Structures are given as structure tokens and as C-alpha cells.
Amino acid sequence: SLKLSCAASGTTLSINAMGWYRHPPGKQRELVA
């Protein structure tokens, strides 16, 4: 198992959505979550 974390800068940001995509070697970028 592994945990990834992400943070966006800004003190007053209004964000509709956040998530993760990945790009495996030799494959197309795909939605993760």
C-alpha cells in the first residue's frame, strides 16, 4: 500500500474538483480518482 498526497497553493482558492490521473509507461494517461 501507498499513500499519495496533494496540496494546491493559495489561501482563498475555490476548487470544484481535485483528483489523480496516472501515466503508465507505454500507455495513455488515465483517470485514477
All heavy atoms as atom14 arrays in JSON, in Angstrom:
{
  "sequence": "SLKLSCAASGTTLSINAMGWYRHPPGKQRELVA",
  "atom14_mask": [
    [1, 1, 1, 1, 1, 1, 0, 0, 0, 0, 0, 0, 0, 0],
    [1, 1, 1, 1, 1, 1, 1, 1, 0, 0, 0, 0, 0, 0],
    [1, 1, 1, 1, 1, 1, 1, 1, 1, 0, 0, 0, 0, 0],
    [1, 1, 1, 1, 1, 1, 1, 1, 0, 0, 0, 0, 0, 0],
    [1, 1, 1, 1, 1, 1, 0, 0, 0, 0, 0, 0, 0, 0],
    [1, 1, 1, 1, 1, 1, 0, 0, 0, 0, 0, 0, 0, 0],
    [1, 1, 1, 1, 1, 0, 0, 0, 0, 0, 0, 0, 0, 0],
    [1, 1, 1, 1, 1, 0, 0, 0, 0, 0, 0, 0, 0, 0],
    [1, 1, 1, 1, 1, 1, 0, 0, 0, 0, 0, 0, 0, 0],
    [1, 1, 1, 1, 0, 0, 0, 0, 0, 0, 0, 0, 0, 0],
    [1, 1, 1, 1, 1, 1, 1, 0, 0, 0, 0, 0, 0, 0],
    [1, 1, 1, 1, 1, 1, 1, 0, 0, 0, 0, 0, 0, 0],
    [1, 1, 1, 1, 1, 1, 1, 1, 0, 0, 0, 0, 0, 0],
    [1, 1, 1, 1, 1, 1, 0, 0, 0, 0, 0, 0, 0, 0],
    [1, 1, 1, 1, 1, 1, 1, 1, 0, 0, 0, 0, 0, 0],
    [1, 1, 1, 1, 1, 1, 1, 1, 0, 0, 0, 0, 0, 0],
    [1, 1, 1, 1, 1, 0, 0, 0, 0, 0, 0, 0, 0, 0],
    [1, 1, 1, 1, 1, 1, 1, 1, 0, 0, 0, 0, 0, 0],
    [1, 1, 1, 1, 0, 0, 0, 0, 0, 0, 0, 0, 0, 0],
    [1, 1, 1, 1, 1, 1, 1, 1, 1, 1, 1, 1, 1, 1],
    [1, 1, 1, 1, 1, 1, 1, 1, 1, 1, 1, 1, 0, 0],
    [1, 1, 1, 1, 1, 1, 1, 1, 1, 1, 1, 0, 0, 0],
    [1, 1, 1, 1, 1, 1, 1, 1, 1, 1, 0, 0, 0, 0],
    [1, 1, 1, 1, 1, 1, 1, 0, 0, 0, 0, 0, 0, 0],
    [1, 1, 1, 1, 1, 1, 1, 0, 0, 0, 0, 0, 0, 0],
    [1, 1, 1, 1, 0, 0, 0, 0, 0, 0, 0, 0, 0, 0],
    [1, 1, 1, 1, 1, 1, 1, 1, 1, 0, 0, 0, 0, 0],
    [1, 1, 1, 1, 1, 1, 1, 1, 1, 0, 0, 0, 0, 0],
    [1, 1, 1, 1, 1, 1, 1, 1, 1, 1, 1, 0, 0, 0],
    [1, 1, 1, 1, 1, 1, 1, 1, 1, 0, 0, 0, 0, 0],
    [1, 1, 1, 1, 1, 1, 1, 1, 0, 0, 0, 0, 0, 0],
    [1, 1, 1, 1, 1, 1, 1, 0, 0, 0, 0, 0, 0, 0],
    [1, 1, 1, 1, 1, 0, 0, 0, 0, 0, 0, 0, 0, 0]
  ],
  "atom14_positions": [
    [[0.83, -1.19, 0.0], [0.0, 0.0, 0.0], [0.87, 1.24, 0.0], [2.02, 1.23, 0.43], [-0.92, 0.02, 1.22], [-1.78, -1.1, 1.25], [0.0, 0.0, 0.0], [0.0, 0.0, 0.0], [0.0, 0.0, 0.0], [0.0, 0.0, 0.0], [0.0, 0.0, 0.0], [0.0, 0.0, 0.0], [0.0, 0.0, 0.0], [0.0, 0.0, 0.0]],
    [[0.28, 2.32, -0.46], [0.99, 3.59, -0.52], [-0.03, 4.71, -0.49], [-1.15, 4.57, -1.0], [1.81, 3.67, -1.8], [2.98, 4.67, -1.86], [4.05, 4.29, -0.85], [3.56, 4.71, -3.26], [0.0, 0.0, 0.0], [0.0, 0.0, 0.0], [0.0, 0.0, 0.0], [0.0, 0.0, 0.0], [0.0, 0.0, 0.0], [0.0, 0.0, 0.0]],
    [[0.35, 5.81, 0.11], [-0.5, 6.99, 0.18], [0.16, 8.14, -0.56], [1.31, 8.49, -0.3], [-0.76, 7.39, 1.63], [-1.59, 8.67, 1.77], [-1.66, 9.12, 3.22], [-2.38, 10.47, 3.35], [-2.42, 10.94, 4.76], [0.0, 0.0, 0.0], [0.0, 0.0, 0.0], [0.0, 0.0, 0.0], [0.0, 0.0, 0.0], [0.0, 0.0, 0.0]],
    [[-0.6, 8.74, -1.46], [-0.16, 9.94, -2.14], [-0.95, 11.14, -1.6], [-2.13, 11.02, -1.28], [-0.38, 9.83, -3.64], [0.27, 8.66, -4.37], [-0.02, 8.75, -5.87], [1.76, 8.6, -4.1], [0.0, 0.0, 0.0], [0.0, 0.0, 0.0], [0.0, 0.0, 0.0], [0.0, 0.0, 0.0], [0.0, 0.0, 0.0], [0.0, 0.0, 0.0]],
    [[-0.28, 12.27, -1.53], [-0.92, 13.49, -1.05], [-0.7, 14.61, -2.05], [0.3, 14.63, -2.77], [-0.37, 13.88, 0.32], [-0.63, 12.88, 1.29], [0.0, 0.0, 0.0], [0.0, 0.0, 0.0], [0.0, 0.0, 0.0], [0.0, 0.0, 0.0], [0.0, 0.0, 0.0], [0.0, 0.0, 0.0], [0.0, 0.0, 0.0], [0.0, 0.0, 0.0]],
    [[-1.63, 15.53, -2.05], [-1.54, 16.67, -2.96], [-2.09, 17.9, -2.26], [-3.09, 17.82, -1.53], [-2.32, 16.39, -4.24], [-2.39, 17.78, -5.39], [0.0, 0.0, 0.0], [0.0, 0.0, 0.0], [0.0, 0.0, 0.0], [0.0, 0.0, 0.0], [0.0, 0.0, 0.0], [0.0, 0.0, 0.0], [0.0, 0.0, 0.0], [0.0, 0.0, 0.0]],
    [[-1.46, 19.01, -2.51], [-1.92, 20.28, -1.98], [-1.76, 21.36, -3.03], [-0.74, 21.42, -3.72], [-1.15, 20.66, -0.72], [0.0, 0.0, 0.0], [0.0, 0.0, 0.0], [0.0, 0.0, 0.0], [0.0, 0.0, 0.0], [0.0, 0.0, 0.0], [0.0, 0.0, 0.0], [0.0, 0.0, 0.0], [0.0, 0.0, 0.0], [0.0, 0.0, 0.0]],
    [[-2.76, 22.19, -3.15], [-2.73, 23.32, -4.06], [-2.49, 24.6, -3.28], [-3.04, 24.79, -2.19], [-4.03, 23.42, -4.84], [0.0, 0.0, 0.0], [0.0, 0.0, 0.0], [0.0, 0.0, 0.0], [0.0, 0.0, 0.0], [0.0, 0.0, 0.0], [0.0, 0.0, 0.0], [0.0, 0.0, 0.0], [0.0, 0.0, 0.0], [0.0, 0.0, 0.0]],
    [[-1.68, 25.46, -3.83], [-1.35, 26.71, -3.16], [-2.5, 27.69, -3.22], [-3.44, 27.54, -4.02], [-0.1, 27.32, -3.78], [-0.36, 27.72, -5.12], [0.0, 0.0, 0.0], [0.0, 0.0, 0.0], [0.0, 0.0, 0.0], [0.0, 0.0, 0.0], [0.0, 0.0, 0.0], [0.0, 0.0, 0.0], [0.0, 0.0, 0.0], [0.0, 0.0, 0.0]],
    [[-2.42, 28.69, -2.36], [-3.44, 29.71, -2.32], [-4.22, 29.67, -1.03], [-4.55, 28.59, -0.52], [0.0, 0.0, 0.0], [0.0, 0.0, 0.0], [0.0, 0.0, 0.0], [0.0, 0.0, 0.0], [0.0, 0.0, 0.0], [0.0, 0.0, 0.0], [0.0, 0.0, 0.0], [0.0, 0.0, 0.0], [0.0, 0.0, 0.0], [0.0, 0.0, 0.0]],
    [[-4.53, 30.84, -0.52], [-5.26, 30.92, 0.74], [-6.75, 31.1, 0.56], [-7.52, 30.88, 1.49], [-4.72, 32.09, 1.59], [-4.85, 33.32, 0.87], [-3.25, 31.87, 1.93], [0.0, 0.0, 0.0], [0.0, 0.0, 0.0], [0.0, 0.0, 0.0], [0.0, 0.0, 0.0], [0.0, 0.0, 0.0], [0.0, 0.0, 0.0], [0.0, 0.0, 0.0]],
    [[-7.17, 31.5, -0.64], [-8.58, 31.75, -0.88], [-9.07, 31.06, -2.15], [-9.96, 31.56, -2.83], [-8.86, 33.25, -0.97], [-8.08, 33.83, -2.02], [-8.54, 33.94, 0.35], [0.0, 0.0, 0.0], [0.0, 0.0, 0.0], [0.0, 0.0, 0.0], [0.0, 0.0, 0.0], [0.0, 0.0, 0.0], [0.0, 0.0, 0.0], [0.0, 0.0, 0.0]],
    [[-8.51, 29.93, -2.46], [-8.9, 29.21, -3.66], [-10.27, 28.56, -3.49], [-10.58, 28.0, -2.45], [-7.88, 28.14, -4.0], [-6.48, 28.61, -4.41], [-5.58, 27.42, -4.64], [-6.55, 29.48, -5.66], [0.0, 0.0, 0.0], [0.0, 0.0, 0.0], [0.0, 0.0, 0.0], [0.0, 0.0, 0.0], [0.0, 0.0, 0.0], [0.0, 0.0, 0.0]],
    [[-11.05, 28.63, -4.54], [-12.32, 27.91, -4.61], [-12.16, 26.81, -5.64], [-11.98, 27.08, -6.82], [-13.46, 28.85, -4.99], [-14.69, 28.16, -5.06], [0.0, 0.0, 0.0], [0.0, 0.0, 0.0], [0.0, 0.0, 0.0], [0.0, 0.0, 0.0], [0.0, 0.0, 0.0], [0.0, 0.0, 0.0], [0.0, 0.0, 0.0], [0.0, 0.0, 0.0]],
    [[-12.23, 25.58, -5.18], [-11.92, 24.43, -6.02], [-13.16, 23.58, -6.21], [-13.8, 23.17, -5.25], [-10.79, 23.6, -5.41], [-9.51, 24.44, -5.34], [-10.56, 22.33, -6.22], [-8.36, 23.75, -4.65], [0.0, 0.0, 0.0], [0.0, 0.0, 0.0], [0.0, 0.0, 0.0], [0.0, 0.0, 0.0], [0.0, 0.0, 0.0], [0.0, 0.0, 0.0]],
    [[-13.48, 23.31, -7.47], [-14.63, 22.47, -7.78], [-14.31, 20.98, -7.65], [-15.17, 20.2, -7.24], [-15.12, 22.75, -9.2], [-15.94, 24.02, -9.3], [-16.26, 24.64, -8.29], [-16.28, 24.39, -10.52], [0.0, 0.0, 0.0], [0.0, 0.0, 0.0], [0.0, 0.0, 0.0], [0.0, 0.0, 0.0], [0.0, 0.0, 0.0], [0.0, 0.0, 0.0]],
    [[-13.09, 20.62, -8.02], [-12.74, 19.21, -8.0], [-11.24, 19.04, -7.92], [-10.47, 19.89, -8.4], [-13.28, 18.5, -9.24], [0.0, 0.0, 0.0], [0.0, 0.0, 0.0], [0.0, 0.0, 0.0], [0.0, 0.0, 0.0], [0.0, 0.0, 0.0], [0.0, 0.0, 0.0], [0.0, 0.0, 0.0], [0.0, 0.0, 0.0], [0.0, 0.0, 0.0]],
    [[-10.83, 17.95, -7.33], [-9.43, 17.56, -7.29], [-9.36, 16.06, -7.51], [-10.32, 15.33, -7.23], [-8.78, 17.89, -5.95], [-8.75, 19.37, -5.6], [-7.89, 19.7, -4.03], [-6.2, 19.27, -4.46], [0.0, 0.0, 0.0], [0.0, 0.0, 0.0], [0.0, 0.0, 0.0], [0.0, 0.0, 0.0], [0.0, 0.0, 0.0], [0.0, 0.0, 0.0]],
    [[-8.23, 15.61, -8.01], [-8.11, 14.19, -8.22], [-6.75, 13.78, -8.72], [-5.78, 14.54, -8.66], [0.0, 0.0, 0.0], [0.0, 0.0, 0.0], [0.0, 0.0, 0.0], [0.0, 0.0, 0.0], [0.0, 0.0, 0.0], [0.0, 0.0, 0.0], [0.0, 0.0, 0.0], [0.0, 0.0, 0.0], [0.0, 0.0, 0.0], [0.0, 0.0, 0.0]],
    [[-6.72, 12.54, -9.2], [-5.48, 11.93, -9.64], [-5.65, 11.27, -10.98], [-6.65, 10.59, -11.24], [-5.02, 10.88, -8.62], [-4.7, 11.45, -7.28], [-5.56, 11.64, -6.23], [-3.42, 11.9, -6.83], [-4.9, 12.19, -5.17], [-3.58, 12.36, -5.5], [-2.17, 11.96, -7.41], [-2.53, 12.86, -4.75], [-1.11, 12.46, -6.67], [-1.3, 12.9, -5.36]],
    [[-4.68, 11.47, -11.82], [-4.52, 10.74, -13.07], [-3.15, 10.08, -13.05], [-2.26, 10.49, -12.3], [-4.65, 11.66, -14.28], [-6.06, 12.17, -14.51], [-6.6, 13.16, -13.71], [-6.84, 11.64, -15.53], [-7.89, 13.62, -13.92], [-8.12, 12.1, -15.76], [-8.64, 13.09, -14.95], [-9.92, 13.55, -15.16], [0.0, 0.0, 0.0], [0.0, 0.0, 0.0]],
    [[-2.99, 9.08, -13.87], [-1.68, 8.43, -13.94], [-1.31, 8.13, -15.38], [-2.17, 8.0, -16.25], [-1.66, 7.15, -13.1], [-2.52, 6.01, -13.65], [-2.51, 4.83, -12.69], [-3.22, 3.68, -13.21], [-3.45, 2.57, -12.53], [-2.99, 2.45, -11.28], [-4.12, 1.57, -13.1], [0.0, 0.0, 0.0], [0.0, 0.0, 0.0], [0.0, 0.0, 0.0]],
    [[-0.01, 8.01, -15.6], [0.51, 7.73, -16.92], [1.48, 6.56, -16.83], [2.66, 6.75, -16.51], [1.22, 8.97, -17.48], [1.52, 8.86, -18.93], [2.04, 9.92, -19.66], [1.39, 7.84, -19.8], [2.2, 9.54, -20.91], [1.8, 8.28, -21.02], [0.0, 0.0, 0.0], [0.0, 0.0, 0.0], [0.0, 0.0, 0.0], [0.0, 0.0, 0.0]],
    [[0.97, 5.35, -17.06], [1.86, 4.18, -17.03], [2.82, 4.2, -18.21], [2.51, 4.76, -19.27], [0.9, 3.0, -17.11], [-0.46, 3.56, -16.79], [-0.41, 4.98, -17.27], [0.0, 0.0, 0.0], [0.0, 0.0, 0.0], [0.0, 0.0, 0.0], [0.0, 0.0, 0.0], [0.0, 0.0, 0.0], [0.0, 0.0, 0.0], [0.0, 0.0, 0.0]],
    [[3.96, 3.57, -18.07], [4.91, 3.51, -19.2], [4.28, 2.86, -20.42], [3.7, 1.77, -20.33], [6.06, 2.67, -18.65], [5.97, 2.8, -17.16], [4.5, 2.9, -16.88], [0.0, 0.0, 0.0], [0.0, 0.0, 0.0], [0.0, 0.0, 0.0], [0.0, 0.0, 0.0], [0.0, 0.0, 0.0], [0.0, 0.0, 0.0], [0.0, 0.0, 0.0]],
    [[4.38, 3.53, -21.55], [3.87, 2.98, -22.79], [2.37, 2.99, -22.94], [1.85, 2.42, -23.91], [0.0, 0.0, 0.0], [0.0, 0.0, 0.0], [0.0, 0.0, 0.0], [0.0, 0.0, 0.0], [0.0, 0.0, 0.0], [0.0, 0.0, 0.0], [0.0, 0.0, 0.0], [0.0, 0.0, 0.0], [0.0, 0.0, 0.0], [0.0, 0.0, 0.0]],
    [[1.67, 3.61, -22.0], [0.22, 3.64, -22.06], [-0.29, 5.07, -21.98], [0.45, 6.0, -21.66], [-0.38, 2.81, -20.92], [-0.04, 1.33, -20.96], [-0.7, 0.58, -19.81], [-0.37, -0.89, -19.86], [-1.01, -1.62, -18.74], [0.0, 0.0, 0.0], [0.0, 0.0, 0.0], [0.0, 0.0, 0.0], [0.0, 0.0, 0.0], [0.0, 0.0, 0.0]],
    [[-1.56, 5.23, -22.28], [-2.19, 6.54, -22.26], [-2.52, 6.95, -20.83], [-2.8, 6.12, -19.97], [-3.45, 6.51, -23.12], [-4.08, 7.87, -23.35], [-5.27, 7.79, -24.31], [-5.61, 6.71, -24.79], [-5.88, 8.92, -24.57], [0.0, 0.0, 0.0], [0.0, 0.0, 0.0], [0.0, 0.0, 0.0], [0.0, 0.0, 0.0], [0.0, 0.0, 0.0]],
    [[-2.49, 8.24, -20.59], [-2.89, 8.75, -19.3], [-4.33, 8.36, -19.01], [-5.2, 8.42, -19.89], [-2.73, 10.28, -19.25], [-3.26, 10.91, -17.97], [-3.12, 12.42, -18.0], [-1.74, 12.84, -17.82], [-1.33, 14.1, -17.77], [-2.23, 15.08, -17.88], [-0.06, 14.39, -17.61], [0.0, 0.0, 0.0], [0.0, 0.0, 0.0], [0.0, 0.0, 0.0]],
    [[-4.6, 7.99, -17.78], [-5.93, 7.52, -17.41], [-6.37, 8.09, -16.08], [-5.56, 8.44, -15.22], [-5.96, 5.99, -17.36], [-5.07, 5.4, -16.29], [-5.08, 3.88, -16.29], [-5.64, 3.29, -17.23], [-4.53, 3.28, -15.35], [0.0, 0.0, 0.0], [0.0, 0.0, 0.0], [0.0, 0.0, 0.0], [0.0, 0.0, 0.0], [0.0, 0.0, 0.0]],
    [[-7.68, 8.14, -15.92], [-8.26, 8.58, -14.67], [-7.97, 7.57, -13.57], [-8.11, 6.37, -13.77], [-9.77, 8.76, -14.83], [-10.58, 8.94, -13.54], [-10.32, 10.33, -12.94], [-12.06, 8.74, -13.8], [0.0, 0.0, 0.0], [0.0, 0.0, 0.0], [0.0, 0.0, 0.0], [0.0, 0.0, 0.0], [0.0, 0.0, 0.0], [0.0, 0.0, 0.0]],
    [[-7.6, 8.08, -12.41], [-7.48, 7.25, -11.22], [-8.67, 7.49, -10.31], [-9.45, 6.59, -10.02], [-6.16, 7.51, -10.47], [-6.09, 6.66, -9.21], [-4.97, 7.22, -11.37], [0.0, 0.0, 0.0], [0.0, 0.0, 0.0], [0.0, 0.0, 0.0], [0.0, 0.0, 0.0], [0.0, 0.0, 0.0], [0.0, 0.0, 0.0], [0.0, 0.0, 0.0]],
    [[-8.81, 8.73, -9.85], [-9.92, 9.07, -8.97], [-10.07, 10.58, -8.91], [-9.09, 11.31, -8.98], [-9.7, 8.5, -7.57], [0.0, 0.0, 0.0], [0.0, 0.0, 0.0], [0.0, 0.0, 0.0], [0.0, 0.0, 0.0], [0.0, 0.0, 0.0], [0.0, 0.0, 0.0], [0.0, 0.0, 0.0], [0.0, 0.0, 0.0], [0.0, 0.0, 0.0]]
  ]
}
